[in-house]
């Protein structure tokens, strides 16, 4: 059945290639709000499901793109393992393909790495309907041009993900979260210090700094005493709410921006409410400031700004969702897009016009 489904997907892509017909790649649509709307013939991959191979001793799992994150995490949990980049689900039916395509990482990213760091290999269909396999299931196979990791964050514009092989990690022995009531400046100083601690996540919101510590129980208890603050009860629920944007901060009615900046960047002079993660590298901003003003402030800091969602969006500013790319980088994107999808049939305009 799965082979038949793969062939069916492949045939639909070939037909679209020869007729230059746009395709909208569809999983379970939990992250469809990200990026620009796509017009095209639906290409369903949600039925392409199942764990293909899982070797707990090798710390590698391979699954089809329509497999839900819940299924994968359940299998890993039974072996006391985890997806260390903690992918946001944004819905019960979130799929592996959607998580990789959107390139999102959760609270543990600052310590363990981003989603692309865990991608070992992919099996895809390119824009001509060819079935391709990049990378492998061990780290030594990931050499040369790493086309498998290019799929992370490409939002389906470079191919149809069929299978993904991921590196997984053992779960930490013990975790606790300390909460400190501190000023924003003090929070930044303490987050910088967290790079020298077994801190698996940090968040600053509403004048409170949350530091999640993970490791051996004796070590963590000793470090938490030195950090100070108070123990957060049911901390798993707090970090889940931050990851899934269920924390009250994300219910504000203004535009929600994700700002990516060097971690040591001081507090940024922009109006609005802040939630700061990843030791300062990821900063969420609820604001009514316009895109041009935000990016004028962020660019000199070496950062970029993405509009996650906005009640203020209108037709004339749709192009402002993703941070504009410098011309040389945009040309590189176009060349890569042409190599993987010469007729531009996959999710056209999802990220930038013409891609």
C-alpha atoms as a PDB file:
ATOM      1  CA  UNK A   1       0.000   0.000   0.000  1.00  0.00           C
ATOM      2  CA  UNK A   2       2.778   2.388   0.888  1.00  0.00           C
ATOM      3  CA  UNK A   3       4.638   1.609  -2.370  1.00  0.00           C
ATOM      4  CA  UNK A   4       1.449   2.271  -4.300  1.00  0.00           C
ATOM      5  CA  UNK A   5       1.006   5.580  -2.479  1.00  0.00           C
ATOM      6  CA  UNK A   6       4.586   6.585  -3.264  1.00  0.00           C
ATOM      7  CA  UNK A   7       4.012   5.783  -6.921  1.00  0.00           C
ATOM      8  CA  UNK A   8       0.767   7.753  -6.877  1.00  0.00           C
ATOM      9  CA  UNK A   9       2.522  10.806  -5.403  1.00  0.00           C
ATOM     10  CA  UNK A  10       5.332  10.424  -7.925  1.00  0.00           C
ATOM     11  CA  UNK A  11       2.902  10.269 -10.860  1.00  0.00           C
ATOM     12  CA  UNK A  12       1.038  13.363  -9.655  1.00  0.00           C
ATOM     13  CA  UNK A  13       4.342  15.255  -9.439  1.00  0.00           C
ATOM     14  CA  UNK A  14       5.368  14.131 -12.932  1.00  0.00           C
ATOM     15  CA  UNK A  15       2.034  15.247 -14.369  1.00  0.00           C
ATOM     16  CA  UNK A  16       2.402  18.620 -12.655  1.00  0.00           C
ATOM     17  CA  UNK A  17       5.964  18.981 -13.954  1.00  0.00           C
ATOM     18  CA  UNK A  18       5.026  18.359 -17.580  1.00  0.00           C
ATOM     19  CA  UNK A  19       2.064  20.722 -17.381  1.00  0.00           C
ATOM     20  CA  UNK A  20       3.858  23.291 -15.141  1.00  0.00           C
ATOM     21  CA  UNK A  21       0.971  23.023 -12.691  1.00  0.00           C
ATOM     22  CA  UNK A  22       1.474  24.251  -9.107  1.00  0.00           C
ATOM     23  CA  UNK A  23       1.173  21.757  -6.242  1.00  0.00           C
ATOM     24  CA  UNK A  24       0.304  22.541  -2.638  1.00  0.00           C
ATOM     25  CA  UNK A  25       1.937  19.889  -0.443  1.00  0.00           C
ATOM     26  CA  UNK A  26      -0.528  18.851   2.255  1.00  0.00           C
ATOM     27  CA  UNK A  27       0.092  17.010   5.507  1.00  0.00           C
ATOM     28  CA  UNK A  28      -2.274  17.550   8.418  1.00  0.00           C
ATOM     29  CA  UNK A  29      -2.103  21.361   8.104  1.00  0.00           C
ATOM     30  CA  UNK A  30      -1.144  22.100  11.721  1.00  0.00           C
ATOM     31  CA  UNK A  31       1.441  24.646  10.519  1.00  0.00           C
ATOM     32  CA  UNK A  32      -0.318  25.962   7.449  1.00  0.00           C
ATOM     33  CA  UNK A  33      -0.508  29.414   9.046  1.00  0.00           C
ATOM     34  CA  UNK A  34       3.268  29.800   8.637  1.00  0.00           C
ATOM     35  CA  UNK A  35       4.452  31.643   5.558  1.00  0.00           C
ATOM     36  CA  UNK A  36       2.417  32.878   2.605  1.00  0.00           C
ATOM     37  CA  UNK A  37      -0.755  31.179   1.399  1.00  0.00           C
ATOM     38  CA  UNK A  38      -0.192  28.745  -1.484  1.00  0.00           C
ATOM     39  CA  UNK A  39      -2.521  28.229  -4.430  1.00  0.00           C
ATOM     40  CA  UNK A  40      -2.209  24.909  -6.214  1.00  0.00           C
ATOM     41  CA  UNK A  41      -3.511  21.410  -6.655  1.00  0.00           C
ATOM     42  CA  UNK A  42      -3.400  19.588  -3.284  1.00  0.00           C
ATOM     43  CA  UNK A  43      -0.702  16.908  -3.022  1.00  0.00           C
ATOM     44  CA  UNK A  44      -1.703  14.749  -0.070  1.00  0.00           C
ATOM     45  CA  UNK A  45       1.066  13.034   1.902  1.00  0.00           C
ATOM     46  CA  UNK A  46      -0.736  12.584   5.245  1.00  0.00           C
ATOM     47  CA  UNK A  47      -1.430   8.933   4.402  1.00  0.00           C
ATOM     48  CA  UNK A  48       2.268   8.177   3.916  1.00  0.00           C
ATOM     49  CA  UNK A  49       2.829   6.979   7.481  1.00  0.00           C
ATOM     50  CA  UNK A  50       4.803   4.555   9.615  1.00  0.00           C
ATOM     51  CA  UNK A  51       8.139   4.103  11.348  1.00  0.00           C
ATOM     52  CA  UNK A  52      10.408   2.435   8.783  1.00  0.00           C
ATOM     53  CA  UNK A  53      13.345   1.649  11.047  1.00  0.00           C
ATOM     54  CA  UNK A  54      14.220   2.359  14.651  1.00  0.00           C
ATOM     55  CA  UNK A  55      17.446   1.193  16.274  1.00  0.00           C
ATOM     56  CA  UNK A  56      17.495   2.429  19.909  1.00  0.00           C
ATOM     57  CA  UNK A  57      21.096   1.260  20.345  1.00  0.00           C
ATOM     58  CA  UNK A  58      22.125   3.275  17.288  1.00  0.00           C
ATOM     59  CA  UNK A  59      20.148   6.370  18.349  1.00  0.00           C
ATOM     60  CA  UNK A  60      18.526   6.636  14.906  1.00  0.00           C
ATOM     61  CA  UNK A  61      14.908   6.582  13.777  1.00  0.00           C
ATOM     62  CA  UNK A  62      13.582   6.622  10.207  1.00  0.00           C
ATOM     63  CA  UNK A  63       9.923   7.376   9.560  1.00  0.00           C
ATOM     64  CA  UNK A  64       7.646   8.355   6.688  1.00  0.00           C
ATOM     65  CA  UNK A  65       6.758  12.007   6.481  1.00  0.00           C
ATOM     66  CA  UNK A  66       3.070  11.585   7.323  1.00  0.00           C
ATOM     67  CA  UNK A  67       3.868   9.863  10.629  1.00  0.00           C
ATOM     68  CA  UNK A  68       2.688  11.991  13.532  1.00  0.00           C
ATOM     69  CA  UNK A  69       5.156  13.413  16.012  1.00  0.00           C
ATOM     70  CA  UNK A  70       3.061  11.844  18.775  1.00  0.00           C
ATOM     71  CA  UNK A  71       3.669   8.375  17.308  1.00  0.00           C
ATOM     72  CA  UNK A  72       7.387   8.980  17.008  1.00  0.00           C
ATOM     73  CA  UNK A  73       7.723  10.437  20.498  1.00  0.00           C
ATOM     74  CA  UNK A  74       5.759   7.538  21.980  1.00  0.00           C
ATOM     75  CA  UNK A  75       8.119   5.026  20.385  1.00  0.00           C
ATOM     76  CA  UNK A  76      11.133   6.969  21.635  1.00  0.00           C
ATOM     77  CA  UNK A  77       9.683   7.367  25.112  1.00  0.00           C
ATOM     78  CA  UNK A  78       9.354   3.584  25.458  1.00  0.00           C
ATOM     79  CA  UNK A  79      13.138   3.433  25.097  1.00  0.00           C
ATOM     80  CA  UNK A  80      13.791   6.494  27.274  1.00  0.00           C
ATOM     81  CA  UNK A  81      14.888   8.532  24.252  1.00  0.00           C
ATOM     82  CA  UNK A  82      13.787  11.855  22.777  1.00  0.00           C
ATOM     83  CA  UNK A  83      13.816  14.307  19.899  1.00  0.00           C
ATOM     84  CA  UNK A  84      16.186  16.696  21.614  1.00  0.00           C
ATOM     85  CA  UNK A  85      15.251  19.701  19.444  1.00  0.00           C
ATOM     86  CA  UNK A  86      11.707  19.453  20.897  1.00  0.00           C
ATOM     87  CA  UNK A  87       9.740  20.240  17.715  1.00  0.00           C
ATOM     88  CA  UNK A  88       6.597  22.330  18.238  1.00  0.00           C
ATOM     89  CA  UNK A  89       3.464  20.435  17.233  1.00  0.00           C
ATOM     90  CA  UNK A  90       0.820  23.178  17.018  1.00  0.00           C
ATOM     91  CA  UNK A  91      -1.791  20.404  16.844  1.00  0.00           C
ATOM     92  CA  UNK A  92      -2.406  16.771  17.834  1.00  0.00           C
ATOM     93  CA  UNK A  93      -1.917  15.547  14.252  1.00  0.00           C
ATOM     94  CA  UNK A  94       1.400  17.293  13.588  1.00  0.00           C
ATOM     95  CA  UNK A  95       3.562  15.229  11.234  1.00  0.00           C
ATOM     96  CA  UNK A  96       7.266  14.576  10.945  1.00  0.00           C
ATOM     97  CA  UNK A  97       7.303  16.015   7.434  1.00  0.00           C
ATOM     98  CA  UNK A  98       5.736  19.250   8.618  1.00  0.00           C
ATOM     99  CA  UNK A  99       8.211  19.560  11.493  1.00  0.00           C
ATOM    100  CA  UNK A 100      11.187  19.152   9.158  1.00  0.00           C
ATOM    101  CA  UNK A 101       9.770  21.317   6.371  1.00  0.00           C
ATOM    102  CA  UNK A 102       9.061  24.213   8.748  1.00  0.00           C
ATOM    103  CA  UNK A 103      12.415  23.802  10.506  1.00  0.00           C
ATOM    104  CA  UNK A 104      11.056  24.664  13.943  1.00  0.00           C
ATOM    105  CA  UNK A 105      12.847  23.843  17.189  1.00  0.00           C
ATOM    106  CA  UNK A 106      11.583  24.096  20.756  1.00  0.00           C
ATOM    107  CA  UNK A 107      13.027  25.123  24.138  1.00  0.00           C
ATOM    108  CA  UNK A 108      15.980  22.702  23.994  1.00  0.00           C
ATOM    109  CA  UNK A 109      17.469  24.171  20.831  1.00  0.00           C
ATOM    110  CA  UNK A 110      20.099  26.324  22.566  1.00  0.00           C
ATOM    111  CA  UNK A 111      21.653  23.320  24.279  1.00  0.00           C
ATOM    112  CA  UNK A 112      21.111  20.451  21.858  1.00  0.00           C
ATOM    113  CA  UNK A 113      20.944  22.101  18.443  1.00  0.00           C
ATOM    114  CA  UNK A 114      18.371  22.879  15.766  1.00  0.00           C
ATOM    115  CA  UNK A 115      16.216  20.431  13.839  1.00  0.00           C
ATOM    116  CA  UNK A 116      18.610  20.430  10.865  1.00  0.00           C
ATOM    117  CA  UNK A 117      21.436  19.257  13.141  1.00  0.00           C
ATOM    118  CA  UNK A 118      19.549  15.996  13.734  1.00  0.00           C
ATOM    119  CA  UNK A 119      18.635  15.206  10.121  1.00  0.00           C
ATOM    120  CA  UNK A 120      20.805  12.331   8.885  1.00  0.00           C
ATOM    121  CA  UNK A 121      19.057  11.515   5.636  1.00  0.00           C
ATOM    122  CA  UNK A 122      15.963  12.083   3.532  1.00  0.00           C
ATOM    123  CA  UNK A 123      14.082  10.358   0.766  1.00  0.00           C
ATOM    124  CA  UNK A 124      12.293  12.830  -1.498  1.00  0.00           C
ATOM    125  CA  UNK A 125      10.614  13.343  -4.845  1.00  0.00           C
ATOM    126  CA  UNK A 126      12.083  16.291  -6.760  1.00  0.00           C
ATOM    127  CA  UNK A 127      10.244  18.657  -9.077  1.00  0.00           C
ATOM    128  CA  UNK A 128      10.646  16.310 -12.073  1.00  0.00           C
ATOM    129  CA  UNK A 129       9.132  13.354 -10.264  1.00  0.00           C
ATOM    130  CA  UNK A 130      12.443  11.604  -9.586  1.00  0.00           C
ATOM    131  CA  UNK A 131      12.804   9.559  -6.401  1.00  0.00           C
ATOM    132  CA  UNK A 132      16.019  10.649  -4.632  1.00  0.00           C
ATOM    133  CA  UNK A 133      17.808   9.598  -1.446  1.00  0.00           C
ATOM    134  CA  UNK A 134      20.257  11.890   0.369  1.00  0.00           C
ATOM    135  CA  UNK A 135      22.413  11.187   3.418  1.00  0.00           C
ATOM    136  CA  UNK A 136      21.948   7.995   5.408  1.00  0.00           C
ATOM    137  CA  UNK A 137      21.238   6.623   8.857  1.00  0.00           C
ATOM    138  CA  UNK A 138      24.664   7.228  10.413  1.00  0.00           C
ATOM    139  CA  UNK A 139      26.585  10.452  10.868  1.00  0.00           C
ATOM    140  CA  UNK A 140      29.542   9.357   8.658  1.00  0.00           C
ATOM    141  CA  UNK A 141      27.228   9.164   5.641  1.00  0.00           C
ATOM    142  CA  UNK A 142      26.414  12.864   5.830  1.00  0.00           C
ATOM    143  CA  UNK A 143      29.214  14.253   3.685  1.00  0.00           C
ATOM    144  CA  UNK A 144      29.658  16.575   0.716  1.00  0.00           C
ATOM    145  CA  UNK A 145      26.669  18.659  -0.303  1.00  0.00           C
ATOM    146  CA  UNK A 146      24.219  18.080   2.512  1.00  0.00           C
ATOM    147  CA  UNK A 147      20.988  18.197   0.507  1.00  0.00           C
ATOM    148  CA  UNK A 148      19.113  16.279   3.195  1.00  0.00           C
ATOM    149  CA  UNK A 149      19.497  19.097   5.707  1.00  0.00           C
ATOM    150  CA  UNK A 150      18.517  21.684   3.127  1.00  0.00           C
ATOM    151  CA  UNK A 151      14.998  20.264   3.416  1.00  0.00           C
ATOM    152  CA  UNK A 152      14.834  21.554   7.013  1.00  0.00           C
ATOM    153  CA  UNK A 153      13.112  24.907   6.843  1.00  0.00           C
ATOM    154  CA  UNK A 154      12.531  24.805   3.058  1.00  0.00           C
ATOM    155  CA  UNK A 155       8.756  24.620   3.666  1.00  0.00           C
ATOM    156  CA  UNK A 156       8.249  22.091   0.895  1.00  0.00           C
ATOM    157  CA  UNK A 157       9.714  24.277  -1.848  1.00  0.00           C
ATOM    158  CA  UNK A 158      12.608  21.900  -2.674  1.00  0.00           C
ATOM    159  CA  UNK A 159      10.821  18.566  -2.845  1.00  0.00           C
ATOM    160  CA  UNK A 160       8.240  16.213  -1.402  1.00  0.00           C
ATOM    161  CA  UNK A 161       9.580  14.637   1.771  1.00  0.00           C
ATOM    162  CA  UNK A 162       8.800  10.909   1.865  1.00  0.00           C
ATOM    163  CA  UNK A 163      11.081   9.677   4.655  1.00  0.00           C
ATOM    164  CA  UNK A 164      13.386  11.271   7.203  1.00  0.00           C
ATOM    165  CA  UNK A 165      16.165   9.704   9.281  1.00  0.00           C
ATOM    166  CA  UNK A 166      16.858  11.490  12.549  1.00  0.00           C
ATOM    167  CA  UNK A 167      19.447  11.241  15.266  1.00  0.00           C
ATOM    168  CA  UNK A 168      17.800  10.863  18.689  1.00  0.00           C
ATOM    169  CA  UNK A 169      19.238  11.243  22.199  1.00  0.00           C
ATOM    170  CA  UNK A 170      18.744   9.534  25.565  1.00  0.00           C
ATOM    171  CA  UNK A 171      16.487  11.391  27.960  1.00  0.00           C
ATOM    172  CA  UNK A 172      18.148  13.271  30.786  1.00  0.00           C
ATOM    173  CA  UNK A 173      18.203  11.496  34.161  1.00  0.00           C
ATOM    174  CA  UNK A 174      16.702  14.405  36.069  1.00  0.00           C
ATOM    175  CA  UNK A 175      15.179  17.780  35.262  1.00  0.00           C
ATOM    176  CA  UNK A 176      14.038  20.716  37.368  1.00  0.00           C
ATOM    177  CA  UNK A 177      13.233  24.360  36.675  1.00  0.00           C
ATOM    178  CA  UNK A 178      14.246  27.336  38.810  1.00  0.00           C
ATOM    179  CA  UNK A 179      12.284  30.597  38.652  1.00  0.00           C
ATOM    180  CA  UNK A 180      13.866  33.943  39.484  1.00  0.00           C
ATOM    181  CA  UNK A 181      12.201  37.360  39.745  1.00  0.00           C
ATOM    182  CA  UNK A 182      14.749  39.595  38.014  1.00  0.00           C
ATOM    183  CA  UNK A 183      15.004  42.648  35.778  1.00  0.00           C
ATOM    184  CA  UNK A 184      15.470  42.206  32.029  1.00  0.00           C
ATOM    185  CA  UNK A 185      19.134  43.252  32.222  1.00  0.00           C
ATOM    186  CA  UNK A 186      19.820  40.816  35.057  1.00  0.00           C
ATOM    187  CA  UNK A 187      17.997  38.074  33.145  1.00  0.00           C
ATOM    188  CA  UNK A 188      20.304  38.568  30.154  1.00  0.00           C
ATOM    189  CA  UNK A 189      23.368  38.350  32.370  1.00  0.00           C
ATOM    190  CA  UNK A 190      22.139  35.119  33.930  1.00  0.00           C
ATOM    191  CA  UNK A 191      21.189  33.621  30.558  1.00  0.00           C
ATOM    192  CA  UNK A 192      24.727  34.262  29.318  1.00  0.00           C
ATOM    193  CA  UNK A 193      26.008  32.340  32.332  1.00  0.00           C
ATOM    194  CA  UNK A 194      23.683  29.441  31.461  1.00  0.00           C
ATOM    195  CA  UNK A 195      25.982  28.444  28.602  1.00  0.00           C
ATOM    196  CA  UNK A 196      28.372  27.191  31.286  1.00  0.00           C
ATOM    197  CA  UNK A 197      25.642  25.265  33.129  1.00  0.00           C
ATOM    198  CA  UNK A 198      23.645  22.105  32.272  1.00  0.00           C
ATOM    199  CA  UNK A 199      20.736  24.360  31.320  1.00  0.00           C
ATOM    200  CA  UNK A 200      18.497  22.661  28.751  1.00  0.00           C
ATOM    201  CA  UNK A 201      16.154  25.656  28.330  1.00  0.00           C
ATOM    202  CA  UNK A 202      15.669  29.266  29.400  1.00  0.00           C
ATOM    203  CA  UNK A 203      12.745  31.658  29.088  1.00  0.00           C
ATOM    204  CA  UNK A 204      12.167  35.197  30.307  1.00  0.00           C
ATOM    205  CA  UNK A 205       8.626  36.550  30.420  1.00  0.00           C
ATOM    206  CA  UNK A 206       6.644  38.833  32.735  1.00  0.00           C
ATOM    207  CA  UNK A 207       9.806  39.778  34.690  1.00  0.00           C
ATOM    208  CA  UNK A 208      10.480  36.140  35.576  1.00  0.00           C
ATOM    209  CA  UNK A 209      13.417  34.038  34.390  1.00  0.00           C
ATOM    210  CA  UNK A 210      12.869  30.289  34.000  1.00  0.00           C
ATOM    211  CA  UNK A 211      15.957  28.069  33.883  1.00  0.00           C
ATOM    212  CA  UNK A 212      15.508  24.366  33.150  1.00  0.00           C
ATOM    213  CA  UNK A 213      18.399  22.256  34.407  1.00  0.00           C
ATOM    214  CA  UNK A 214      18.959  18.685  33.191  1.00  0.00           C
ATOM    215  CA  UNK A 215      21.485  16.061  34.241  1.00  0.00           C
ATOM    216  CA  UNK A 216      22.254  13.935  37.284  1.00  0.00           C
ATOM    217  CA  UNK A 217      20.039  14.662  40.286  1.00  0.00           C
ATOM    218  CA  UNK A 218      22.871  15.451  42.713  1.00  0.00           C
ATOM    219  CA  UNK A 219      24.556  17.826  40.285  1.00  0.00           C
ATOM    220  CA  UNK A 220      21.333  19.610  39.363  1.00  0.00           C
ATOM    221  CA  UNK A 221      20.225  20.050  42.968  1.00  0.00           C
ATOM    222  CA  UNK A 222      23.625  21.490  43.846  1.00  0.00           C
ATOM    223  CA  UNK A 223      23.582  23.926  40.929  1.00  0.00           C
ATOM    224  CA  UNK A 224      20.000  25.013  41.595  1.00  0.00           C
ATOM    225  CA  UNK A 225      20.989  26.024  45.116  1.00  0.00           C
ATOM    226  CA  UNK A 226      23.688  28.292  43.717  1.00  0.00           C
ATOM    227  CA  UNK A 227      21.339  29.781  41.107  1.00  0.00           C
ATOM    228  CA  UNK A 228      18.718  30.608  43.702  1.00  0.00           C
ATOM    229  CA  UNK A 229      15.076  31.348  43.040  1.00  0.00           C
ATOM    230  CA  UNK A 230      12.308  28.859  43.631  1.00  0.00           C
ATOM    231  CA  UNK A 231      11.443  25.447  42.253  1.00  0.00           C
ATOM    232  CA  UNK A 232       8.729  25.467  39.583  1.00  0.00           C
ATOM    233  CA  UNK A 233       6.089  22.821  40.209  1.00  0.00           C
ATOM    234  CA  UNK A 234       4.882  20.912  37.152  1.00  0.00           C
ATOM    235  CA  UNK A 235       7.567  22.504  35.002  1.00  0.00           C
ATOM    236  CA  UNK A 236       6.867  20.128  32.107  1.00  0.00           C
ATOM    237  CA  UNK A 237       3.525  21.873  31.567  1.00  0.00           C
ATOM    238  CA  UNK A 238       5.206  25.289  31.495  1.00  0.00           C
ATOM    239  CA  UNK A 239       7.721  24.296  28.819  1.00  0.00           C
ATOM    240  CA  UNK A 240       5.036  22.531  26.806  1.00  0.00           C
ATOM    241  CA  UNK A 241       2.924  25.700  26.840  1.00  0.00           C
ATOM    242  CA  UNK A 242       5.893  27.773  25.678  1.00  0.00           C
ATOM    243  CA  UNK A 243       6.720  25.270  22.929  1.00  0.00           C
ATOM    244  CA  UNK A 244       3.139  25.049  21.689  1.00  0.00           C
ATOM    245  CA  UNK A 245       2.417  28.795  22.031  1.00  0.00           C
ATOM    246  CA  UNK A 246      -0.220  28.123  24.676  1.00  0.00           C
ATOM    247  CA  UNK A 247       1.393  30.412  27.238  1.00  0.00           C
ATOM    248  CA  UNK A 248      -0.748  33.538  27.916  1.00  0.00           C
ATOM    249  CA  UNK A 249       1.918  35.671  26.218  1.00  0.00           C
ATOM    250  CA  UNK A 250       0.991  34.196  22.830  1.00  0.00           C
ATOM    251  CA  UNK A 251      -2.680  35.128  23.228  1.00  0.00           C
ATOM    252  CA  UNK A 252      -2.028  38.841  22.780  1.00  0.00           C
ATOM    253  CA  UNK A 253      -3.870  40.424  19.868  1.00  0.00           C
ATOM    254  CA  UNK A 254      -0.953  42.308  18.290  1.00  0.00           C
ATOM    255  CA  UNK A 255       1.330  40.938  15.587  1.00  0.00           C
ATOM    256  CA  UNK A 256       3.648  38.159  16.781  1.00  0.00           C
ATOM    257  CA  UNK A 257       7.250  38.427  15.581  1.00  0.00           C
ATOM    258  CA  UNK A 258      10.088  35.959  15.958  1.00  0.00           C
ATOM    259  CA  UNK A 259      13.420  37.773  16.196  1.00  0.00           C
ATOM    260  CA  UNK A 260      16.645  35.836  15.808  1.00  0.00           C
ATOM    261  CA  UNK A 261      19.734  37.653  17.096  1.00  0.00           C
ATOM    262  CA  UNK A 262      23.141  36.814  18.612  1.00  0.00           C
ATOM    263  CA  UNK A 263      22.500  35.620  22.199  1.00  0.00           C
ATOM    264  CA  UNK A 264      24.581  38.366  23.840  1.00  0.00           C
ATOM    265  CA  UNK A 265      22.576  41.138  22.141  1.00  0.00           C
ATOM    266  CA  UNK A 266      21.372  43.586  24.839  1.00  0.00           C
ATOM    267  CA  UNK A 267      17.646  44.304  25.291  1.00  0.00           C
ATOM    268  CA  UNK A 268      16.239  45.634  22.007  1.00  0.00           C
ATOM    269  CA  UNK A 269      14.531  49.021  21.829  1.00  0.00           C
ATOM    270  CA  UNK A 270      11.219  48.004  20.278  1.00  0.00           C
ATOM    271  CA  UNK A 271       7.753  48.556  21.779  1.00  0.00           C
ATOM    272  CA  UNK A 272       5.649  45.634  22.889  1.00  0.00           C
ATOM    273  CA  UNK A 273       5.664  42.547  25.101  1.00  0.00           C
ATOM    274  CA  UNK A 274       8.593  40.109  25.076  1.00  0.00           C
ATOM    275  CA  UNK A 275       9.208  36.406  25.663  1.00  0.00           C
ATOM    276  CA  UNK A 276      12.889  35.518  25.335  1.00  0.00           C
ATOM    277  CA  UNK A 277      14.298  32.008  24.809  1.00  0.00           C
ATOM    278  CA  UNK A 278      17.477  30.158  23.858  1.00  0.00           C
ATOM    279  CA  UNK A 279      19.709  32.181  26.215  1.00  0.00           C
ATOM    280  CA  UNK A 280      18.704  35.326  24.336  1.00  0.00           C
ATOM    281  CA  UNK A 281      18.974  34.080  20.740  1.00  0.00           C
ATOM    282  CA  UNK A 282      15.224  33.760  20.095  1.00  0.00           C
ATOM    283  CA  UNK A 283      12.985  36.658  21.058  1.00  0.00           C
ATOM    284  CA  UNK A 284       9.231  36.703  20.592  1.00  0.00           C
ATOM    285  CA  UNK A 285       7.665  40.136  20.334  1.00  0.00           C
ATOM    286  CA  UNK A 286       4.009  41.117  20.484  1.00  0.00           C
ATOM    287  CA  UNK A 287       3.860  44.573  18.934  1.00  0.00           C
ATOM    288  CA  UNK A 288       1.955  46.954  16.708  1.00  0.00           C
ATOM    289  CA  UNK A 289       5.224  48.262  15.202  1.00  0.00           C
ATOM    290  CA  UNK A 290       5.448  47.884  11.419  1.00  0.00           C
ATOM    291  CA  UNK A 291       7.761  45.484   9.599  1.00  0.00           C
ATOM    292  CA  UNK A 292      10.076  48.164   8.206  1.00  0.00           C
ATOM    293  CA  UNK A 293      10.752  49.667  11.628  1.00  0.00           C
ATOM    294  CA  UNK A 294      11.361  46.271  13.237  1.00  0.00           C
ATOM    295  CA  UNK A 295      13.819  45.202  10.550  1.00  0.00           C
ATOM    296  CA  UNK A 296      15.604  48.555  10.579  1.00  0.00           C
ATOM    297  CA  UNK A 297      16.382  47.885  14.249  1.00  0.00           C
ATOM    298  CA  UNK A 298      17.195  44.175  13.886  1.00  0.00           C
ATOM    299  CA  UNK A 299      19.464  44.156  10.826  1.00  0.00           C
ATOM    300  CA  UNK A 300      22.345  46.192  12.347  1.00  0.00           C
ATOM    301  CA  UNK A 301      22.332  43.710  15.250  1.00  0.00           C
ATOM    302  CA  UNK A 302      23.101  40.844  12.873  1.00  0.00           C
ATOM    303  CA  UNK A 303      19.613  39.381  13.201  1.00  0.00           C
ATOM    304  CA  UNK A 304      16.461  38.788  11.213  1.00  0.00           C
ATOM    305  CA  UNK A 305      12.741  39.072  11.882  1.00  0.00           C
ATOM    306  CA  UNK A 306       9.865  36.829  10.824  1.00  0.00           C
ATOM    307  CA  UNK A 307       6.202  37.705  11.244  1.00  0.00           C
ATOM    308  CA  UNK A 308       4.491  34.600  12.648  1.00  0.00           C
ATOM    309  CA  UNK A 309       0.983  35.943  12.432  1.00  0.00           C
ATOM    310  CA  UNK A 310      -0.671  39.326  12.290  1.00  0.00           C
ATOM    311  CA  UNK A 311      -4.256  40.585  12.472  1.00  0.00           C
ATOM    312  CA  UNK A 312      -2.939  43.638  10.609  1.00  0.00           C
ATOM    313  CA  UNK A 313      -1.762  41.825   7.484  1.00  0.00           C
ATOM    314  CA  UNK A 314      -3.009  43.236   4.221  1.00  0.00           C
ATOM    315  CA  UNK A 315      -2.331  42.435   0.578  1.00  0.00           C
ATOM    316  CA  UNK A 316       0.307  45.111   0.174  1.00  0.00           C
ATOM    317  CA  UNK A 317       2.474  43.843   3.034  1.00  0.00           C
ATOM    318  CA  UNK A 318       2.180  40.080   2.478  1.00  0.00           C
ATOM    319  CA  UNK A 319       5.761  40.013   1.200  1.00  0.00           C
ATOM    320  CA  UNK A 320       6.966  41.115   4.636  1.00  0.00           C
ATOM    321  CA  UNK A 321       6.391  37.793   6.447  1.00  0.00           C
ATOM    322  CA  UNK A 322       9.981  36.571   6.022  1.00  0.00           C
ATOM    323  CA  UNK A 323      13.031  38.759   6.373  1.00  0.00           C
ATOM    324  CA  UNK A 324      14.159  40.060   2.936  1.00  0.00           C
ATOM    325  CA  UNK A 325      17.292  38.312   1.687  1.00  0.00           C
ATOM    326  CA  UNK A 326      20.387  40.100   0.318  1.00  0.00           C
ATOM    327  CA  UNK A 327      20.540  39.865  -3.482  1.00  0.00           C
ATOM    328  CA  UNK A 328      23.473  37.366  -3.642  1.00  0.00           C
ATOM    329  CA  UNK A 329      21.701  35.030  -1.189  1.00  0.00           C
ATOM    330  CA  UNK A 330      18.416  35.344  -3.061  1.00  0.00           C
ATOM    331  CA  UNK A 331      20.192  34.408  -6.310  1.00  0.00           C
ATOM    332  CA  UNK A 332      21.594  31.331  -4.575  1.00  0.00           C
ATOM    333  CA  UNK A 333      18.087  30.403  -3.435  1.00  0.00           C
ATOM    334  CA  UNK A 334      16.790  30.706  -6.983  1.00  0.00           C
ATOM    335  CA  UNK A 335      19.599  28.526  -8.344  1.00  0.00           C
ATOM    336  CA  UNK A 336      18.923  25.877  -5.725  1.00  0.00           C
ATOM    337  CA  UNK A 337      15.181  26.032  -6.400  1.00  0.00           C
ATOM    338  CA  UNK A 338      15.774  25.605 -10.132  1.00  0.00           C
ATOM    339  CA  UNK A 339      18.056  22.608  -9.566  1.00  0.00           C
ATOM    340  CA  UNK A 340      15.529  20.823  -7.346  1.00  0.00           C
ATOM    341  CA  UNK A 341      12.271  22.088  -8.894  1.00  0.00           C
ATOM    342  CA  UNK A 342      12.935  23.516 -12.387  1.00  0.00           C
ATOM    343  CA  UNK A 343       9.298  24.354 -13.192  1.00  0.00           C
ATOM    344  CA  UNK A 344       8.598  25.813  -9.741  1.00  0.00           C
ATOM    345  CA  UNK A 345       5.657  23.524  -8.994  1.00  0.00           C
ATOM    346  CA  UNK A 346       6.211  22.950  -5.250  1.00  0.00           C
ATOM    347  CA  UNK A 347       4.520  25.404  -2.849  1.00  0.00           C
ATOM    348  CA  UNK A 348       5.193  28.440  -5.084  1.00  0.00           C
ATOM    349  CA  UNK A 349       5.524  31.680  -3.140  1.00  0.00           C
ATOM    350  CA  UNK A 350       5.353  29.981   0.254  1.00  0.00           C
ATOM    351  CA  UNK A 351       8.533  31.720   1.403  1.00  0.00           C
ATOM    352  CA  UNK A 352       9.333  34.416  -1.165  1.00  0.00           C
ATOM    353  CA  UNK A 353       7.807  35.501  -4.489  1.00  0.00           C
ATOM    354  CA  UNK A 354       9.268  33.432  -7.308  1.00  0.00           C
ATOM    355  CA  UNK A 355      10.449  30.591  -5.063  1.00  0.00           C
END
